[in-house]
Every structure is written in structure tokens, then in C-alpha cells.
């Protein structure tokens, strides 16, 4: 990203923070927005900075949960220890498929999967599945009641988020709803399992940030992605207590349809 593009960086950070946690696909929006506005591709260093911003959002919002989970691993016993240890195991089981897929399909995710038509179909298709899962599921299960195969299944769903338009939160929430988790628990499990994946990717590619010539743009993107990410988590965790995911389904269909009807605007 060139010097002087701090405003663009802040806007893309806003898009990343909202799209990472709302089930609308941050990667799709980060590909489509620069093409639509004819902005320069911000590059890998900027992408890493945005994801580290959303990692900070998860840590700040769920710090009590994360601390409790970490303590359960090291303390011998105590109230809720067994339940927290089970959740740690479930989160680890759910993380493995996504990590493996990320290593194996990283090149395709950065090249082949960035087609505008593929993004549009993914937006529409996952939107349909999310709508079906949310409307049909009457589940009120909590995440600690999941079986380990079920957690792996949610992790496999996360792997498909390498295709822009699928959405990491959207895919994991969809499968969690199919498995009977209530809306808030599905979102909570999705957000907690995002932390190790984002952290791992950030550590592996952090050198890109060190060698970037435009730290002002990186800082702007990091800050806005952290703030908007925190706001998105706060909003969704409250919204789904009493509401369905329907508005996000409709938005996904609308954007997907628009992209298909105007493919020339999003040619990469």
C-alpha cells in the first residue's frame, strides 16, 4: 500500500473488522471493494495487520473467557475446570482442520479463489445454508455439550472460508446451528475458535509487517479493524439473543446478485 493511502487503509480496516465477525465474509469485501473503487491491492503486510487487529478485538471482548480457559489448563481443579478444559479441547479440535487447509491451499486462496463470480456464488450459497440452518434449528445447546467429532466438523466448515465469500464466521455458525447450538453460543464458539487461527497466521507472516514501507497505513488499518471488530462482536452477541440471522442472509444474496450482474466492475 502506497504512502498517502491512510484513508483507504482505515476504510479497509473498518470493512475487515465488520466482515470478520458478521457472517458476510471479510475476504470477499476486501477483494471487491478495492476493485470497485479502483484502489491498489494493499498487499500481504496490510492483510496481516488487519487480521491482527481483529485478533485484538477477540482478545479484548472475550478476555475473561480466554483467561478462564487458560487457567483451566494449568490449575489442578476448581469450579468449572472440567467444563473449561472440555471447551479448550473442543476449540483445539476445531482449529486443526482450518490450520491444515490454510497450509495446503494458501496459494489457491490468494489466486484461483479470488474470482468475482466465485465470490458471488459463495455469498449466495452460504447465505442459503445459513438461512436454512437458522430457521430449522430449534437447538438450545451450549458449546461444551458438543462432541469432539462435531467440533471437527465445525473446523472443517471453517476450512471452506478460504474461498472468499464463504465467511469464516458464517460457515462455522451455520454448522453450529445445524448441530443444535443456540444462536449466541454458535457465535461465541465461532469467535473463540478464530483466535488461534488468526494468531497463527499473524505470527507466520509478521515479518511482512516489519519490512513494509508504509507503517502509517498499517497502523490505521490495524486500529480501525480492532475497533470495528470489537463493535461487530458486541453487536452480534446481543442481536442474536432475540433475533435470527435473516438480515445477513438477505444482504449476502443481494451483494452476490449485484456482483453477478456487474462482473465487469469487479474484474481483477
Protein backbone atom coordinates (compact mmCIF):
# COMPACT_ATOMS: atom_id res chain seq x y z
CA UNK A 1 0.00 0.00 0.00
CA UNK A 2 1.45 3.32 -1.07
CA UNK A 3 2.21 6.20 1.24
CA UNK A 4 -0.71 8.63 1.45
CA UNK A 5 -3.34 5.92 1.40
CA UNK A 6 -4.08 6.09 5.12
CA UNK A 7 -7.75 6.86 4.50
CA UNK A 8 -8.12 3.82 2.25
CA UNK A 9 -6.38 1.75 4.91
CA UNK A 10 -8.81 2.93 7.58
CA UNK A 11 -11.81 2.12 5.37
CA UNK A 12 -10.49 -1.36 4.61
CA UNK A 13 -9.81 -1.86 8.31
CA UNK A 14 -13.43 -0.98 9.02
CA UNK A 15 -14.56 -3.50 6.39
CA UNK A 16 -12.29 -6.19 7.84
CA UNK A 17 -13.48 -5.71 11.40
CA UNK A 18 -17.17 -5.83 10.49
CA UNK A 19 -16.83 -8.61 7.92
CA UNK A 20 -14.68 -10.89 10.06
CA UNK A 21 -17.33 -11.30 12.75
CA UNK A 22 -20.61 -10.58 11.00
CA UNK A 23 -21.38 -13.57 8.72
CA UNK A 24 -20.83 -11.62 5.48
CA UNK A 25 -17.19 -12.55 4.59
CA UNK A 26 -14.44 -10.02 5.21
CA UNK A 27 -12.24 -11.54 2.49
CA UNK A 28 -14.94 -11.07 -0.14
CA UNK A 29 -15.39 -7.42 0.77
CA UNK A 30 -11.63 -6.78 0.89
CA UNK A 31 -11.33 -8.14 -2.64
CA UNK A 32 -14.43 -6.49 -4.08
CA UNK A 33 -14.08 -3.02 -2.51
CA UNK A 34 -10.64 -2.14 -3.98
CA UNK A 35 -11.75 -3.44 -7.39
CA UNK A 36 -14.97 -1.44 -7.28
CA UNK A 37 -13.20 1.78 -6.27
CA UNK A 38 -10.11 1.04 -8.40
CA UNK A 39 -7.75 1.11 -5.43
CA UNK A 40 -4.37 -0.52 -5.46
CA UNK A 41 -4.09 -4.01 -3.94
CA UNK A 42 -2.91 -3.25 -0.37
CA UNK A 43 -0.64 -6.31 -0.20
CA UNK A 44 0.13 -9.10 2.25
CA UNK A 45 1.57 -6.91 5.04
CA UNK A 46 -1.65 -4.92 5.20
CA UNK A 47 -3.73 -8.10 5.26
CA UNK A 48 -1.71 -9.37 8.23
CA UNK A 49 -2.15 -6.05 10.08
CA UNK A 50 -5.93 -6.19 9.58
CA UNK A 51 -6.15 -9.72 10.93
CA UNK A 52 -4.04 -8.84 13.96
CA UNK A 53 -6.49 -6.01 14.60
CA UNK A 54 -9.40 -8.45 14.65
CA UNK A 55 -7.40 -10.76 16.90
CA UNK A 56 -7.07 -7.89 19.37
CA UNK A 57 -10.85 -7.39 19.16
CA UNK A 58 -11.47 -11.04 20.11
CA UNK A 59 -9.00 -10.89 23.00
CA UNK A 60 -10.45 -7.65 24.38
CA UNK A 61 -14.06 -8.83 24.18
CA UNK A 62 -13.54 -12.39 25.40
CA UNK A 63 -10.62 -11.79 27.77
CA UNK A 64 -12.47 -13.27 30.74
CA UNK A 65 -13.40 -16.39 28.78
CA UNK A 66 -9.89 -16.78 27.40
CA UNK A 67 -8.31 -16.30 30.83
CA UNK A 68 -10.64 -18.88 32.36
CA UNK A 69 -9.84 -21.35 29.59
CA UNK A 70 -6.09 -20.84 30.01
CA UNK A 71 -6.32 -21.21 33.78
CA UNK A 72 -8.22 -24.48 33.41
CA UNK A 73 -5.24 -25.96 31.59
CA UNK A 74 -2.75 -25.20 34.37
CA UNK A 75 -4.80 -25.43 37.56
CA UNK A 76 -5.38 -28.87 39.11
CA UNK A 77 -9.06 -28.41 39.90
CA UNK A 78 -11.73 -25.88 40.77
CA UNK A 79 -15.26 -24.74 39.92
CA UNK A 80 -15.88 -25.12 36.21
CA UNK A 81 -12.42 -26.54 35.49
CA UNK A 82 -13.65 -29.71 33.82
CA UNK A 83 -16.10 -27.79 31.64
CA UNK A 84 -13.47 -25.24 30.62
CA UNK A 85 -10.95 -27.98 29.83
CA UNK A 86 -13.52 -29.64 27.61
CA UNK A 87 -14.08 -26.37 25.76
CA UNK A 88 -10.30 -26.00 25.27
CA UNK A 89 -10.21 -29.47 23.76
CA UNK A 90 -13.16 -28.70 21.50
CA UNK A 91 -11.57 -25.47 20.30
CA UNK A 92 -8.29 -27.25 19.55
CA UNK A 93 -10.14 -29.99 17.66
CA UNK A 94 -11.99 -27.36 15.63
CA UNK A 95 -8.79 -25.44 14.87
CA UNK A 96 -6.83 -28.31 13.29
CA UNK A 97 -8.79 -28.69 10.01
CA UNK A 98 -8.63 -24.97 9.28
CA UNK A 99 -4.91 -24.82 10.00
CA UNK A 100 -4.18 -27.78 7.72
CA UNK A 101 -6.35 -26.38 4.94
CA UNK A 102 -4.66 -22.99 5.27
CA UNK A 103 -1.23 -24.52 4.73
CA UNK A 104 -2.31 -26.74 1.83
CA UNK A 105 -4.50 -24.24 -0.03
CA UNK A 106 -2.80 -20.93 0.73
CA UNK A 107 -1.67 -20.38 -2.86
CA UNK A 108 -5.12 -21.08 -4.32
CA UNK A 109 -6.72 -18.82 -1.73
CA UNK A 110 -4.51 -15.95 -2.94
CA UNK A 111 -5.02 -16.63 -6.67
CA UNK A 112 -7.69 -19.00 -8.04
CA UNK A 113 -10.27 -18.36 -5.31
CA UNK A 114 -10.34 -14.59 -5.91
CA UNK A 115 -12.67 -14.77 -8.92
CA UNK A 116 -15.57 -12.32 -8.62
CA UNK A 117 -18.09 -14.87 -9.91
CA UNK A 118 -16.89 -17.50 -7.41
CA UNK A 119 -17.20 -14.94 -4.62
CA UNK A 120 -20.76 -14.10 -5.69
CA UNK A 121 -21.86 -17.74 -5.81
CA UNK A 122 -20.22 -18.36 -2.42
CA UNK A 123 -22.06 -15.37 -0.93
CA UNK A 124 -25.40 -16.65 -2.21
CA UNK A 125 -24.79 -20.34 -1.42
CA UNK A 126 -23.57 -19.89 2.13
CA UNK A 127 -26.34 -17.37 2.71
CA UNK A 128 -28.87 -20.03 1.75
CA UNK A 129 -27.30 -22.60 4.09
CA UNK A 130 -27.13 -20.09 6.95
CA UNK A 131 -30.79 -19.25 6.47
CA UNK A 132 -31.84 -22.90 6.42
CA UNK A 133 -29.76 -23.76 9.49
CA UNK A 134 -31.03 -20.79 11.45
CA UNK A 135 -34.68 -21.31 10.58
CA UNK A 136 -34.77 -25.08 11.04
CA UNK A 137 -32.62 -25.41 14.15
CA UNK A 138 -34.52 -25.28 17.41
CA UNK A 139 -31.39 -26.12 19.37
CA UNK A 140 -30.57 -24.56 22.67
CA UNK A 141 -27.33 -26.47 23.31
CA UNK A 142 -24.27 -24.86 24.84
CA UNK A 143 -20.88 -25.32 23.23
CA UNK A 144 -19.45 -27.53 25.99
CA UNK A 145 -22.11 -30.11 25.08
CA UNK A 146 -20.58 -30.61 21.62
CA UNK A 147 -18.90 -33.91 20.84
CA UNK A 148 -15.34 -33.86 19.51
CA UNK A 149 -16.42 -35.11 16.05
CA UNK A 150 -18.91 -32.22 15.97
CA UNK A 151 -16.13 -29.74 16.81
CA UNK A 152 -14.01 -31.19 14.00
CA UNK A 153 -17.00 -30.76 11.69
CA UNK A 154 -17.19 -27.06 12.59
CA UNK A 155 -13.45 -26.85 11.94
CA UNK A 156 -13.92 -28.41 8.52
CA UNK A 157 -16.56 -25.79 7.78
CA UNK A 158 -14.02 -23.12 8.70
CA UNK A 159 -11.70 -24.56 6.03
CA UNK A 160 -14.16 -23.57 3.31
CA UNK A 161 -13.75 -19.95 4.39
CA UNK A 162 -10.52 -19.95 2.36
CA UNK A 163 -12.91 -19.30 -0.52
CA UNK A 164 -13.74 -15.56 -0.29
CA UNK A 165 -17.47 -15.13 0.07
CA UNK A 166 -17.98 -18.18 2.26
CA UNK A 167 -17.15 -16.35 5.53
CA UNK A 168 -15.33 -17.96 8.42
CA UNK A 169 -17.92 -16.84 10.95
CA UNK A 170 -20.76 -17.61 8.55
CA UNK A 171 -19.64 -21.17 7.82
CA UNK A 172 -18.89 -22.06 11.44
CA UNK A 173 -22.10 -20.50 12.77
CA UNK A 174 -24.08 -22.37 10.10
CA UNK A 175 -22.72 -25.78 11.08
CA UNK A 176 -23.00 -24.95 14.78
CA UNK A 177 -26.68 -24.15 14.26
CA UNK A 178 -27.21 -27.39 12.34
CA UNK A 179 -25.62 -29.17 15.33
CA UNK A 180 -28.14 -27.60 17.71
CA UNK A 181 -26.24 -24.74 19.35
CA UNK A 182 -28.34 -21.70 20.15
CA UNK A 183 -27.58 -18.54 18.19
CA UNK A 184 -25.43 -16.86 20.82
CA UNK A 185 -23.44 -19.99 21.64
CA UNK A 186 -22.85 -20.64 17.94
CA UNK A 187 -21.42 -17.13 17.57
CA UNK A 188 -19.37 -17.43 20.76
CA UNK A 189 -17.79 -20.72 19.67
CA UNK A 190 -17.06 -19.26 16.23
CA UNK A 191 -15.34 -16.18 17.67
CA UNK A 192 -13.29 -18.10 20.23
CA UNK A 193 -12.05 -20.59 17.64
CA UNK A 194 -10.96 -17.72 15.39
CA UNK A 195 -8.30 -16.59 17.87
CA UNK A 196 -5.72 -19.40 17.38
CA UNK A 197 -6.16 -19.39 13.59
CA UNK A 198 -5.67 -15.61 13.31
CA UNK A 199 -2.80 -15.64 15.79
CA UNK A 200 -1.01 -18.45 13.97
CA UNK A 201 -1.31 -16.76 10.59
CA UNK A 202 -0.18 -13.45 12.08
CA UNK A 203 2.92 -14.95 13.67
CA UNK A 204 3.92 -16.77 10.47
CA UNK A 205 3.64 -13.64 8.33
CA UNK A 206 4.59 -10.94 10.84
CA UNK A 207 7.87 -10.31 9.02
CA UNK A 208 5.83 -8.80 6.19
CA UNK A 209 4.77 -6.02 8.56
CA UNK A 210 8.36 -5.40 9.69
CA UNK A 211 9.53 -4.94 6.11
CA UNK A 212 6.59 -2.81 4.99
CA UNK A 213 7.47 0.76 3.89
CA UNK A 214 4.12 2.23 4.95
CA UNK A 215 3.65 1.73 8.68
CA UNK A 216 1.18 4.63 8.94
CA UNK A 217 -1.31 2.84 6.69
CA UNK A 218 -0.75 -0.42 8.56
CA UNK A 219 -1.40 1.32 11.87
CA UNK A 220 -4.60 2.91 10.54
CA UNK A 221 -5.87 -0.42 9.23
CA UNK A 222 -4.94 -2.24 12.43
CA UNK A 223 -6.69 0.34 14.62
CA UNK A 224 -9.93 0.50 12.64
CA UNK A 225 -10.13 -3.28 12.26
CA UNK A 226 -9.69 -3.69 16.03
CA UNK A 227 -12.33 -1.08 16.90
CA UNK A 228 -14.87 -2.18 14.28
CA UNK A 229 -14.21 -5.83 15.08
CA UNK A 230 -14.95 -5.26 18.76
CA UNK A 231 -18.11 -3.36 17.81
CA UNK A 232 -19.20 -6.18 15.48
CA UNK A 233 -18.75 -8.82 18.19
CA UNK A 234 -20.57 -6.67 20.75
CA UNK A 235 -23.45 -6.08 18.37
CA UNK A 236 -23.86 -9.67 17.15
CA UNK A 237 -23.65 -11.23 20.60
CA UNK A 238 -26.57 -9.04 21.67
CA UNK A 239 -28.52 -9.09 18.44
CA UNK A 240 -28.77 -12.89 18.20
CA UNK A 241 -30.16 -13.23 21.71
CA UNK A 242 -33.59 -12.36 20.32
CA UNK A 243 -33.21 -12.22 16.53
CA UNK A 244 -32.48 -14.50 13.59
CA UNK A 245 -29.59 -14.22 11.13
CA UNK A 246 -32.06 -13.33 8.35
CA UNK A 247 -30.77 -9.77 7.63
CA UNK A 248 -27.30 -11.17 6.94
CA UNK A 249 -28.76 -13.84 4.64
CA UNK A 250 -30.62 -11.17 2.65
CA UNK A 251 -27.51 -8.98 2.47
CA UNK A 252 -25.41 -11.89 1.16
CA UNK A 253 -27.97 -12.65 -1.55
CA UNK A 254 -28.22 -9.00 -2.56
CA UNK A 255 -24.46 -8.49 -2.82
CA UNK A 256 -23.94 -11.79 -4.61
CA UNK A 257 -26.64 -10.93 -7.15
CA UNK A 258 -25.20 -7.44 -7.69
CA UNK A 259 -21.72 -8.82 -8.37
CA UNK A 260 -23.07 -11.38 -10.87
CA UNK A 261 -24.97 -8.66 -12.70
CA UNK A 262 -21.95 -6.32 -12.79
CA UNK A 263 -18.97 -8.68 -13.15
CA UNK A 264 -17.04 -6.19 -15.28
CA UNK A 265 -16.88 -3.79 -12.33
CA UNK A 266 -15.09 -6.40 -10.22
CA UNK A 267 -12.68 -7.86 -12.77
CA UNK A 268 -9.35 -8.49 -11.09
